[in-house]
């Protein structure tokens, strides 16, 4: 080989080595997301799925499982190809809860928020008081951040709240611990562009049993059940396909925990099949959709069903709470959950510009108005023959095509006056107690309200007065400890008077006398040694 040719080959080798080093450096920078190639629109995907997603992730295994929490950078895309599945047993936190994760592909994502820890049992104390049981921990969220679903099947469940610990035995038993709250399904906004999505709030933990007390031979109070977790805490937008959201059920306990809301934000549906349900509970059922007074539920197409959760002990959940409802297409069905009372809609306005609207519950709209420009509206009957069409005015009973409709309920508060002595009075029928709405007791106009009195010992109910807020009183019927009145179209205050029952006795001379103002009555029966002391 000539010297000149050998020199050329050496120079070429050096150049090739430099080029390879440069390309390797560029490739490393691209994979790290530090730089992009100007002539390329390629998306960079992480090679494996771990617990820290700093760049876009694709699932390669048929059934990949991550145990433990996951952190993701803002704007990350998780691609799950058809036939692939990723299960995360923990919480996915996106940019400290304020970022957005997008899920694409036709595969399946399952996220199970971690269950809360059970509370510790209280220690037993021989002769002393038993220790209280520890409270259960809160269940973990499924997604902590905003979520966009574009094509995948997604199933997200908040973790169950931990059970309260049992109270310790002792001279006085310790109280049982409180059950932990169920975890949130998605703590943020949710957008379903397409795909099948199921979001469920975690179930509240059960309250712990109270400890046994040897002094009185009884058990201390058990802990209350934890509230069910909310399905989605932010706003929800559905472009098409399928979405099911459920609030978590309340845990069992001395008082059952309340059901979680399905959605704690706005709901907008362009098309698709959507079902939102509040969780079942003890003290109250969860709301289907619960938003602030400036929130709204908008339906432009598809089939949308919203149901309040049922209550074991008190009021069922509202279908929609404090929201303005707009229907321009599709079908919207709303129903309050079963319970002592239920509400289809509580507060807000309804505007129907097309489509079909149905609401069920003892109350239709409380404090709101219904306006129909087009479309069909009906109540408590699914028969198309009972649809109502046409324009509704905003005053009183509505007459539409010769039929009547009352979409605006006339409900007002019933307040038991302070300062009633020697007994108690309660409204026990014909009213609803808005457990989660500042504990108001309300009744519909013209409803028959039943009042039940419980006199103290040696007292009797003598008078009940129902006073209207605007002045004047309402007629009261009935005798004994049960009275009724017809609810007017305004708030009322109810007061009661209890008087002592006259007691007969014989004085020292054997003369029968009567005593009505006594604090102590000695002796028994109609005897000469019986005395009435004031």
Protein backbone atom coordinates (compact mmCIF):
# COMPACT_ATOMS: atom_id res chain seq x y z
CA UNK A 1 0.00 0.00 0.00
CA UNK A 2 1.35 3.44 -0.88
CA UNK A 3 2.05 5.96 1.85
CA UNK A 4 -0.47 8.41 0.32
CA UNK A 5 -3.30 5.81 0.25
CA UNK A 6 -2.56 4.79 3.85
CA UNK A 7 -2.76 8.44 4.93
CA UNK A 8 -6.16 8.89 3.23
CA UNK A 9 -7.60 5.81 4.95
CA UNK A 10 -6.41 7.01 8.35
CA UNK A 11 -8.06 10.41 7.86
CA UNK A 12 -11.31 8.75 6.72
CA UNK A 13 -11.35 6.52 9.83
CA UNK A 14 -10.89 9.53 12.09
CA UNK A 15 -13.77 11.37 10.36
CA UNK A 16 -16.04 8.34 10.63
CA UNK A 17 -15.22 7.99 14.33
CA UNK A 18 -16.06 11.66 14.95
CA UNK A 19 -19.34 11.29 13.03
CA UNK A 20 -20.36 8.22 15.07
CA UNK A 21 -19.54 10.01 18.33
CA UNK A 22 -21.60 13.04 17.23
CA UNK A 23 -24.58 10.92 16.17
CA UNK A 24 -24.47 9.02 19.45
CA UNK A 25 -24.46 12.29 21.41
CA UNK A 26 -27.40 13.69 19.38
CA UNK A 27 -29.37 10.47 19.83
CA UNK A 28 -28.80 10.61 23.59
CA UNK A 29 -30.02 14.22 23.73
CA UNK A 30 -33.10 13.40 21.66
CA UNK A 31 -34.01 10.40 23.81
CA UNK A 32 -33.60 12.53 26.93
CA UNK A 33 -35.96 15.13 25.44
CA UNK A 34 -33.27 17.83 25.57
CA UNK A 35 -33.35 18.49 21.82
CA UNK A 36 -35.38 17.56 18.74
CA UNK A 37 -34.20 17.02 15.21
CA UNK A 38 -35.38 19.84 12.92
CA UNK A 39 -36.08 17.45 10.03
CA UNK A 40 -38.01 14.96 12.19
CA UNK A 41 -41.49 14.95 13.76
CA UNK A 42 -40.90 11.68 15.61
CA UNK A 43 -42.40 11.18 19.12
CA UNK A 44 -39.96 9.86 21.68
CA UNK A 45 -41.20 6.94 23.81
CA UNK A 46 -39.61 5.49 26.92
CA UNK A 47 -38.41 1.94 26.37
CA UNK A 48 -39.94 0.54 29.57
CA UNK A 49 -42.85 1.43 31.88
CA UNK A 50 -41.63 2.26 35.38
CA UNK A 51 -42.81 4.37 38.31
CA UNK A 52 -41.39 7.66 37.00
CA UNK A 53 -42.67 8.91 33.64
CA UNK A 54 -40.53 11.82 32.50
CA UNK A 55 -41.26 11.30 28.81
CA UNK A 56 -44.01 9.69 26.74
CA UNK A 57 -44.61 6.03 27.58
CA UNK A 58 -45.75 3.10 25.46
CA UNK A 59 -46.86 -0.27 26.84
CA UNK A 60 -45.13 -3.21 25.17
CA UNK A 61 -46.26 -6.12 27.36
CA UNK A 62 -49.61 -7.83 27.05
CA UNK A 63 -50.28 -7.43 30.78
CA UNK A 64 -47.90 -4.97 32.45
CA UNK A 65 -48.31 -4.32 36.19
CA UNK A 66 -46.88 -1.47 38.29
CA UNK A 67 -47.15 -1.83 42.07
CA UNK A 68 -46.86 1.48 43.89
CA UNK A 69 -47.43 5.14 43.09
CA UNK A 70 -46.40 6.68 39.76
CA UNK A 71 -45.21 10.22 39.09
CA UNK A 72 -45.58 11.74 35.63
CA UNK A 73 -44.39 14.98 34.07
CA UNK A 74 -46.91 17.44 32.67
CA UNK A 75 -48.12 16.71 29.13
CA UNK A 76 -47.10 13.04 29.14
CA UNK A 77 -48.86 10.68 26.70
CA UNK A 78 -49.41 7.07 27.72
CA UNK A 79 -49.88 4.90 24.63
CA UNK A 80 -51.47 1.48 25.14
CA UNK A 81 -51.71 -0.40 21.81
CA UNK A 82 -54.58 -2.71 20.98
CA UNK A 83 -54.36 -5.94 22.97
CA UNK A 84 -52.04 -4.47 25.61
CA UNK A 85 -52.97 -3.74 29.23
CA UNK A 86 -51.36 -1.70 32.00
CA UNK A 87 -52.44 -2.03 35.65
CA UNK A 88 -51.24 0.50 38.23
CA UNK A 89 -51.82 -0.44 41.86
CA UNK A 90 -51.34 3.01 43.33
CA UNK A 91 -51.88 6.68 42.49
CA UNK A 92 -50.71 8.30 39.25
CA UNK A 93 -49.73 11.88 40.17
CA UNK A 94 -49.28 14.20 37.20
CA UNK A 95 -47.00 17.19 37.82
CA UNK A 96 -47.85 17.37 41.54
CA UNK A 97 -51.56 17.11 40.74
CA UNK A 98 -51.79 20.10 38.38
CA UNK A 99 -50.63 18.49 35.13
CA UNK A 100 -52.40 16.57 32.37
CA UNK A 101 -51.99 12.93 31.31
CA UNK A 102 -53.28 11.77 27.91
CA UNK A 103 -54.09 8.09 27.35
CA UNK A 104 -54.16 6.88 23.72
CA UNK A 105 -54.38 3.60 21.82
CA UNK A 106 -57.02 0.89 21.90
CA UNK A 107 -55.61 -1.00 24.87
CA UNK A 108 -56.69 -1.03 28.52
CA UNK A 109 -55.59 1.03 31.54
CA UNK A 110 -56.60 -0.04 35.06
CA UNK A 111 -55.71 2.14 38.07
CA UNK A 112 -56.46 1.05 41.63
CA UNK A 113 -55.81 3.69 44.28
CA UNK A 114 -54.20 2.31 47.42
CA UNK A 115 -56.49 1.43 50.33
CA UNK A 116 -56.15 3.48 53.50
CA UNK A 117 -54.57 1.85 56.52
CA UNK A 118 -56.84 0.48 59.23
CA UNK A 119 -56.82 2.30 62.56
CA UNK A 120 -55.10 0.62 65.48
CA UNK A 121 -57.23 -1.07 68.12
CA UNK A 122 -57.37 0.63 71.50
CA UNK A 123 -55.61 -1.05 74.42
CA UNK A 124 -57.59 -2.88 77.07
CA UNK A 125 -57.27 -1.52 80.59
CA UNK A 126 -58.25 -3.61 83.62
CA UNK A 127 -60.10 -1.23 85.91
CA UNK A 128 -59.14 1.84 83.87
CA UNK A 129 -60.80 3.29 80.80
CA UNK A 130 -60.24 1.48 77.53
CA UNK A 131 -58.30 3.40 74.89
CA UNK A 132 -60.06 4.78 71.84
CA UNK A 133 -59.64 2.99 68.55
CA UNK A 134 -57.57 4.76 65.92
CA UNK A 135 -59.18 6.36 62.86
CA UNK A 136 -58.84 4.65 59.49
CA UNK A 137 -56.67 6.26 56.84
CA UNK A 138 -57.99 7.91 53.67
CA UNK A 139 -57.96 5.86 50.50
CA UNK A 140 -55.59 6.95 47.76
CA UNK A 141 -56.78 8.67 44.58
CA UNK A 142 -56.66 6.86 41.25
CA UNK A 143 -55.41 9.84 39.22
CA UNK A 144 -54.11 13.00 40.90
CA UNK A 145 -54.25 15.47 38.02
CA UNK A 146 -56.17 16.05 34.80
CA UNK A 147 -56.92 13.14 32.45
CA UNK A 148 -57.65 13.01 28.70
CA UNK A 149 -58.77 9.71 27.18
CA UNK A 150 -58.48 9.29 23.41
CA UNK A 151 -59.34 5.76 22.33
CA UNK A 152 -58.44 3.53 25.28
CA UNK A 153 -60.56 1.54 27.71
CA UNK A 154 -59.92 3.07 31.14
CA UNK A 155 -61.08 1.84 34.56
CA UNK A 156 -60.04 3.95 37.56
CA UNK A 157 -61.03 3.30 41.19
CA UNK A 158 -60.15 5.28 44.29
CA UNK A 159 -58.80 3.30 47.22
CA UNK A 160 -61.05 2.18 50.05
CA UNK A 161 -60.87 4.07 53.31
CA UNK A 162 -59.28 2.20 56.19
CA UNK A 163 -61.52 0.74 58.89
CA UNK A 164 -61.54 2.39 62.29
CA UNK A 165 -59.86 0.51 65.12
CA UNK A 166 -61.89 -1.13 67.86
CA UNK A 167 -62.11 0.60 71.23
CA UNK A 168 -60.37 -1.07 74.14
CA UNK A 169 -62.23 -2.82 76.96
CA UNK A 170 -62.02 -1.39 80.47
CA UNK A 171 -64.00 0.10 83.29
CA UNK A 172 -65.38 2.44 80.64
CA UNK A 173 -64.98 1.08 77.14
CA UNK A 174 -63.14 3.15 74.55
CA UNK A 175 -64.96 4.54 71.52
CA UNK A 176 -64.39 2.89 68.17
CA UNK A 177 -62.31 4.74 65.58
CA UNK A 178 -63.80 6.58 62.61
CA UNK A 179 -63.68 4.95 59.18
CA UNK A 180 -61.43 6.66 56.65
CA UNK A 181 -62.78 8.47 53.58
CA UNK A 182 -62.74 6.66 50.28
CA UNK A 183 -60.22 7.84 47.72
CA UNK A 184 -61.14 10.05 44.76
CA UNK A 185 -61.31 8.43 41.33
CA UNK A 186 -59.89 11.40 39.39
CA UNK A 187 -58.75 14.46 41.35
CA UNK A 188 -58.93 16.94 38.48
CA UNK A 189 -60.68 17.48 35.15
CA UNK A 190 -61.67 14.61 32.83
CA UNK A 191 -62.07 14.76 29.04
CA UNK A 192 -63.29 11.72 27.11
CA UNK A 193 -62.60 12.30 23.42
CA UNK A 194 -63.39 8.66 22.65
CA UNK A 195 -63.11 5.35 24.43
CA UNK A 196 -64.89 3.54 27.25
CA UNK A 197 -64.20 5.05 30.66
CA UNK A 198 -65.31 3.93 34.12
CA UNK A 199 -64.46 6.07 37.16
CA UNK A 200 -65.41 5.02 40.71
CA UNK A 201 -64.75 6.72 44.04
CA UNK A 202 -63.44 4.51 46.81
CA UNK A 203 -65.70 3.07 49.48
CA UNK A 204 -65.53 4.66 52.92
CA UNK A 205 -64.04 2.59 55.73
CA UNK A 206 -66.18 1.02 58.43
CA UNK A 207 -66.24 2.53 61.90
CA UNK A 208 -64.66 0.45 64.64
CA UNK A 209 -66.70 -1.25 67.38
CA UNK A 210 -66.73 0.36 70.80
CA UNK A 211 -65.02 -1.37 73.71
CA UNK A 212 -66.85 -3.11 76.58
CA UNK A 213 -67.12 -1.26 79.89
CA UNK A 214 -67.33 -3.39 83.03
CA UNK A 215 -68.63 -0.56 85.26
CA UNK A 216 -71.99 -0.29 83.54
CA UNK A 217 -71.86 -3.53 81.61
CA UNK A 218 -72.27 -1.87 78.22
CA UNK A 219 -70.35 -1.04 75.07
CA UNK A 220 -68.96 2.36 74.12
CA UNK A 221 -70.16 4.01 70.89
CA UNK A 222 -68.73 2.68 67.68
CA UNK A 223 -67.04 4.92 65.16
CA UNK A 224 -68.87 6.46 62.22
CA UNK A 225 -68.36 5.11 58.74
CA UNK A 226 -66.16 7.11 56.39
CA UNK A 227 -67.63 9.06 53.46
CA UNK A 228 -67.37 7.57 50.01
CA UNK A 229 -64.87 9.12 47.63
CA UNK A 230 -65.92 11.45 44.81
CA UNK A 231 -65.80 10.02 41.29
CA UNK A 232 -64.34 13.14 39.59
CA UNK A 233 -63.60 16.36 41.49
CA UNK A 234 -63.27 18.64 38.46
CA UNK A 235 -65.11 19.40 35.23
CA UNK A 236 -66.06 16.60 32.84
CA UNK A 237 -66.32 16.86 29.05
CA UNK A 238 -67.53 13.98 26.87
CA UNK A 239 -67.10 14.20 23.11
CA UNK A 240 -68.37 10.71 22.26
CA UNK A 241 -68.53 7.02 23.25
CA UNK A 242 -69.05 5.87 26.85
CA UNK A 243 -68.49 7.22 30.38
CA UNK A 244 -69.68 5.85 33.72
CA UNK A 245 -68.91 7.74 36.95
CA UNK A 246 -69.92 6.58 40.43
CA UNK A 247 -69.29 8.11 43.82
CA UNK A 248 -68.05 5.69 46.44
CA UNK A 249 -70.43 4.18 48.98
CA UNK A 250 -70.22 5.37 52.57
CA UNK A 251 -68.78 2.98 55.12
CA UNK A 252 -70.82 1.21 57.77
CA UNK A 253 -70.64 2.47 61.33
CA UNK A 254 -72.47 3.89 64.33
CA UNK A 255 -73.68 6.41 61.75
CA UNK A 256 -73.16 5.24 58.18
CA UNK A 257 -70.88 7.45 56.11
CA UNK A 258 -72.37 9.61 53.38
CA UNK A 259 -72.10 8.56 49.76
CA UNK A 260 -69.59 10.35 47.54
CA UNK A 261 -70.68 12.63 44.70
CA UNK A 262 -70.37 11.35 41.16
CA UNK A 263 -69.00 14.68 39.86
CA UNK A 264 -68.02 17.77 41.86
CA UNK A 265 -67.79 20.00 38.80
CA UNK A 266 -69.45 20.89 35.51
CA UNK A 267 -70.65 18.27 33.03
CA UNK A 268 -70.68 18.90 29.27
CA UNK A 269 -71.77 16.17 26.84
CA UNK A 270 -71.56 16.55 23.07
CA UNK A 271 -72.49 12.94 22.35
CA UNK A 272 -72.18 9.46 23.79
CA UNK A 273 -73.66 7.39 26.60
CA UNK A 274 -73.04 8.90 30.02
CA UNK A 275 -74.20 7.68 33.42
CA UNK A 276 -73.36 9.50 36.66
CA UNK A 277 -74.40 8.11 40.05
CA UNK A 278 -73.82 9.32 43.58
CA UNK A 279 -72.68 6.74 46.08
CA UNK A 280 -75.04 5.08 48.54
CA UNK A 281 -74.69 6.22 52.13
CA UNK A 282 -76.04 6.19 55.64
CA UNK A 283 -76.62 9.80 56.72
CA UNK A 284 -77.11 10.93 53.11
CA UNK A 285 -76.85 9.60 49.59
CA UNK A 286 -74.24 11.08 47.31
CA UNK A 287 -75.20 13.67 44.70
CA UNK A 288 -75.03 12.72 41.04
CA UNK A 289 -73.59 16.09 39.97
CA UNK A 290 -72.73 18.69 42.60
CA UNK A 291 -71.39 22.02 41.38
CA UNK A 292 -71.21 25.61 42.54
CA UNK A 293 -74.03 28.03 41.84
CA UNK A 294 -72.34 29.18 38.63
CA UNK A 295 -71.85 25.63 37.36
CA UNK A 296 -73.85 23.94 34.67
CA UNK A 297 -74.83 20.67 33.06
CA UNK A 298 -74.98 20.92 29.26
CA UNK A 299 -76.21 18.15 26.96
CA UNK A 300 -76.05 18.56 23.18
CA UNK A 301 -76.53 14.92 22.19
CA UNK A 302 -76.39 11.32 23.29
CA UNK A 303 -78.01 9.69 26.31
CA UNK A 304 -77.17 11.16 29.72
CA UNK A 305 -78.46 9.69 32.97
CA UNK A 306 -77.79 11.27 36.38
CA UNK A 307 -78.88 9.60 39.61
CA UNK A 308 -78.45 10.55 43.23
CA UNK A 309 -77.28 7.83 45.60
CA UNK A 310 -79.66 6.16 48.02
CA UNK A 311 -79.60 6.68 51.78
CA UNK A 312 -80.11 4.00 54.41
CA UNK A 313 -81.06 6.45 57.18
CA UNK A 314 -82.06 9.85 55.79
CA UNK A 315 -82.35 11.77 52.51
CA UNK A 316 -81.40 10.32 49.16
CA UNK A 317 -78.85 12.21 47.09
CA UNK A 318 -79.87 14.94 44.68
CA UNK A 319 -79.63 14.10 41.01
CA UNK A 320 -78.20 17.57 40.35
CA UNK A 321 -77.37 20.15 43.02
CA UNK A 322 -77.11 23.91 42.39
CA UNK A 323 -76.57 23.77 38.66
CA UNK A 324 -78.06 25.41 35.60
CA UNK A 325 -79.12 22.72 33.13
CA UNK A 326 -79.12 23.20 29.35
CA UNK A 327 -80.38 20.57 26.89
CA UNK A 328 -80.07 21.32 23.18
CA UNK A 329 -80.12 17.74 21.90
CA UNK A 330 -80.07 14.14 23.00
CA UNK A 331 -81.79 12.89 26.14
CA UNK A 332 -81.17 13.87 29.77
CA UNK A 333 -82.70 11.81 32.58
CA UNK A 334 -82.32 12.90 36.21
CA UNK A 335 -83.55 11.14 39.34
CA UNK A 336 -82.98 11.65 43.04
CA UNK A 337 -81.77 8.72 45.10
CA UNK A 338 -84.10 6.73 47.33
CA UNK A 339 -84.31 7.74 50.98
CA UNK A 340 -86.49 9.64 53.41
CA UNK A 341 -86.79 12.33 50.74
CA UNK A 342 -85.29 12.64 47.28
CA UNK A 343 -84.68 15.46 44.87
CA UNK A 344 -84.30 15.30 41.12
CA UNK A 345 -82.82 18.82 40.96
CA UNK A 346 -82.07 21.15 43.87
CA UNK A 347 -81.51 24.75 42.81
CA UNK A 348 -80.58 26.27 39.46
CA UNK A 349 -82.35 26.68 36.13
CA UNK A 350 -83.31 24.38 33.26
CA UNK A 351 -83.25 25.51 29.62
CA UNK A 352 -84.48 23.11 26.95
CA UNK A 353 -83.60 24.07 23.38
CA UNK A 354 -84.16 20.64 21.90
CA UNK A 355 -83.90 16.97 22.77
CA UNK A 356 -85.74 15.32 25.66
CA UNK A 357 -85.63 15.97 29.37
CA UNK A 358 -86.98 13.86 32.22
CA UNK A 359 -86.69 14.46 35.95
CA UNK A 360 -87.92 12.25 38.77
CA UNK A 361 -88.05 12.72 42.51
CA UNK A 362 -90.31 14.20 45.15
CA UNK A 363 -88.92 17.58 44.09
CA UNK A 364 -88.34 18.63 40.50
CA UNK A 365 -86.64 22.02 40.73
CA UNK A 366 -86.24 23.90 44.00
CA UNK A 367 -85.61 27.62 43.61
CA UNK A 368 -85.29 27.52 39.82
CA UNK A 369 -87.18 28.05 36.59
CA UNK A 370 -87.72 25.88 33.53
CA UNK A 371 -87.74 27.43 30.06
CA UNK A 372 -88.49 25.39 26.94
CA UNK A 373 -87.90 26.78 23.46
CA UNK A 374 -88.08 23.44 21.70
CA UNK A 375 -87.97 19.75 22.48
CA UNK A 376 -89.91 17.58 24.91
CA UNK A 377 -90.13 17.50 28.69
CA UNK A 378 -91.86 15.03 30.98
CA UNK A 379 -91.94 14.00 34.61
CA UNK A 380 -92.20 10.63 36.36
CA UNK A 381 -93.53 8.78 33.31
CA UNK A 382 -91.46 7.31 30.49
CA UNK A 383 -94.39 7.04 28.08
CA UNK A 384 -93.88 9.22 24.97
CA UNK A 385 -97.59 9.96 25.04
CA UNK A 386 -96.96 12.02 28.17
CA UNK A 387 -94.24 14.22 26.73
CA UNK A 388 -94.88 17.91 27.06
CA UNK A 389 -93.91 20.16 24.15
CA UNK A 390 -94.06 23.85 23.51
CA UNK A 391 -93.04 26.97 25.39
CA UNK A 392 -93.13 27.33 29.16
CA UNK A 393 -93.65 30.69 30.78
CA UNK A 394 -92.08 31.42 34.14
CA UNK A 395 -95.05 31.88 36.39
CA UNK A 396 -96.71 29.21 38.50
CA UNK A 397 -98.34 26.13 36.96
CA UNK A 398 -97.49 25.71 33.31
CA UNK A 399 -100.14 24.88 30.72
CA UNK A 400 -98.77 23.14 27.63
CA UNK A 401 -100.97 21.87 24.82
CA UNK A 402 -103.91 21.62 27.15
CA UNK A 403 -101.96 19.70 29.83
CA UNK A 404 -100.50 21.07 33.03
CA UNK A 405 -96.95 20.77 34.28
CA UNK A 406 -95.36 22.10 37.44
CA UNK A 407 -91.61 22.01 36.87
CA UNK A 408 -90.97 24.70 39.47
CA UNK A 409 -91.67 23.41 42.95
CA UNK A 410 -92.78 25.88 45.59
CA UNK A 411 -90.78 24.79 48.64
CA UNK A 412 -90.17 26.74 51.85
CA UNK A 413 -88.56 26.23 55.23
CA UNK A 414 -90.21 24.92 58.40
CA UNK A 415 -88.37 26.18 61.48
CA UNK A 416 -89.02 24.99 65.03
CA UNK A 417 -88.77 28.02 67.31
CA UNK A 418 -86.05 28.30 69.93
CA UNK A 419 -86.94 28.52 73.60
CA UNK A 420 -89.58 25.76 73.77
CA UNK A 421 -89.51 24.37 77.33
CA UNK A 422 -90.86 21.28 79.10
CA UNK A 423 -90.96 19.25 75.87
CA UNK A 424 -89.82 19.05 72.28
CA UNK A 425 -91.54 19.46 68.91
CA UNK A 426 -90.46 18.08 65.52
CA UNK A 427 -91.79 18.05 61.96
CA UNK A 428 -91.99 14.32 61.22
CA UNK A 429 -93.89 14.00 57.94
CA UNK A 430 -94.49 16.05 54.81
CA UNK A 431 -91.03 17.63 55.03
CA UNK A 432 -87.51 16.98 53.78
CA UNK A 433 -84.32 17.70 55.70
CA UNK A 434 -81.57 18.96 53.42
CA UNK A 435 -78.75 17.23 55.27
CA UNK A 436 -75.93 18.65 53.15
CA UNK A 437 -77.61 22.02 52.58
CA UNK A 438 -77.23 23.78 55.96
CA UNK A 439 -79.64 21.33 57.64
CA UNK A 440 -82.80 23.11 56.51
CA UNK A 441 -86.21 21.48 56.84
CA UNK A 442 -88.41 22.28 53.85
CA UNK A 443 -91.93 21.46 52.68
CA UNK A 444 -93.81 21.99 49.44
CA UNK A 445 -96.68 24.44 49.18
CA UNK A 446 -100.00 22.72 50.06
CA UNK A 447 -98.21 19.75 51.63
CA UNK A 448 -99.67 18.40 54.88
CA UNK A 449 -96.98 18.78 57.53
CA UNK A 450 -97.19 16.56 60.61
CA UNK A 451 -95.81 17.79 63.93
CA UNK A 452 -95.02 15.36 66.74
CA UNK A 453 -94.60 16.52 70.34
CA UNK A 454 -92.72 14.79 73.15
CA UNK A 455 -93.74 16.36 76.50
CA UNK A 456 -91.53 16.15 79.56
CA UNK A 457 -92.77 14.07 82.52
CA UNK A 458 -95.96 15.49 84.07
CA UNK A 459 -96.47 17.88 81.11
CA UNK A 460 -98.88 17.94 78.17
CA UNK A 461 -98.91 19.76 74.82
CA UNK A 462 -101.45 22.52 75.14
CA UNK A 463 -100.90 24.76 72.09
CA UNK A 464 -99.09 24.85 68.73
CA UNK A 465 -98.72 28.05 66.71
CA UNK A 466 -97.53 28.22 63.07
CA UNK A 467 -96.48 31.76 62.10
CA UNK A 468 -95.89 32.83 58.50
CA UNK A 469 -92.77 34.81 57.63
CA UNK A 470 -94.89 37.57 56.10
CA UNK A 471 -97.16 37.77 59.13
CA UNK A 472 -100.28 35.94 60.26
CA UNK A 473 -100.73 32.35 61.36
CA UNK A 474 -101.74 29.04 59.79
CA UNK A 475 -104.59 26.85 61.08
CA UNK A 476 -103.41 23.84 63.09
CA UNK A 477 -105.44 20.63 63.36
CA UNK A 478 -105.25 17.58 65.60
CA UNK A 479 -105.17 16.67 69.27
CA UNK A 480 -102.78 15.04 71.70
CA UNK A 481 -99.15 14.91 70.65
CA UNK A 482 -99.84 14.94 66.89
CA UNK A 483 -100.82 18.11 65.02
CA UNK A 484 -100.96 18.97 61.31
CA UNK A 485 -101.06 22.07 59.13
CA UNK A 486 -101.09 22.90 55.41
CA UNK A 487 -97.85 24.47 54.17
CA UNK A 488 -98.31 27.98 52.79
CA UNK A 489 -96.26 29.56 49.99
CA UNK A 490 -93.74 31.08 52.40
CA UNK A 491 -91.45 30.14 55.27
CA UNK A 492 -93.02 29.35 58.64
CA UNK A 493 -91.90 29.16 62.27
CA UNK A 494 -93.56 26.68 64.63
CA UNK A 495 -93.78 27.20 68.39
CA UNK A 496 -95.37 25.12 71.16
CA UNK A 497 -96.51 25.49 74.75
CA UNK A 498 -96.41 22.65 77.29
CA UNK A 499 -98.30 22.87 80.59
CA UNK A 500 -98.18 20.72 83.72
CA UNK A 501 -100.77 18.01 84.18
CA UNK A 502 -103.03 18.74 87.23
CA UNK A 503 -102.52 16.24 90.07
CA UNK A 504 -105.17 15.48 92.68
CA UNK A 505 -104.32 14.72 96.32
CA UNK A 506 -105.90 14.68 99.82
CA UNK A 507 -104.82 17.25 102.35
CA UNK A 508 -104.49 16.53 106.08
CA UNK A 509 -108.23 16.95 106.61
CA UNK A 510 -109.03 14.46 103.83
CA UNK A 511 -110.17 17.11 101.39
CA UNK A 512 -109.36 16.44 97.72
CA UNK A 513 -107.31 19.21 96.12
CA UNK A 514 -105.60 19.82 92.79
CA UNK A 515 -102.01 20.91 92.15
CA UNK A 516 -100.74 22.22 88.83
CA UNK A 517 -97.55 24.08 89.77
CA UNK A 518 -95.29 21.54 91.38
CA UNK A 519 -91.70 20.46 91.22
CA UNK A 520 -91.83 17.52 93.68
CA UNK A 521 -94.75 15.22 94.36
CA UNK A 522 -94.31 12.90 97.35
CA UNK A 523 -96.27 9.81 98.18
CA UNK A 524 -98.25 7.69 95.77
CA UNK A 525 -101.90 7.35 94.85
CA UNK A 526 -104.70 9.39 96.38
CA UNK A 527 -103.37 9.28 99.97
CA UNK A 528 -103.58 11.65 102.91
CA UNK A 529 -99.79 11.79 103.23
CA UNK A 530 -99.34 12.92 99.64
CA UNK A 531 -98.07 16.46 99.35
CA UNK A 532 -97.63 18.95 96.53
CA UNK A 533 -94.51 21.06 96.97
CA UNK A 534 -93.76 24.13 94.90
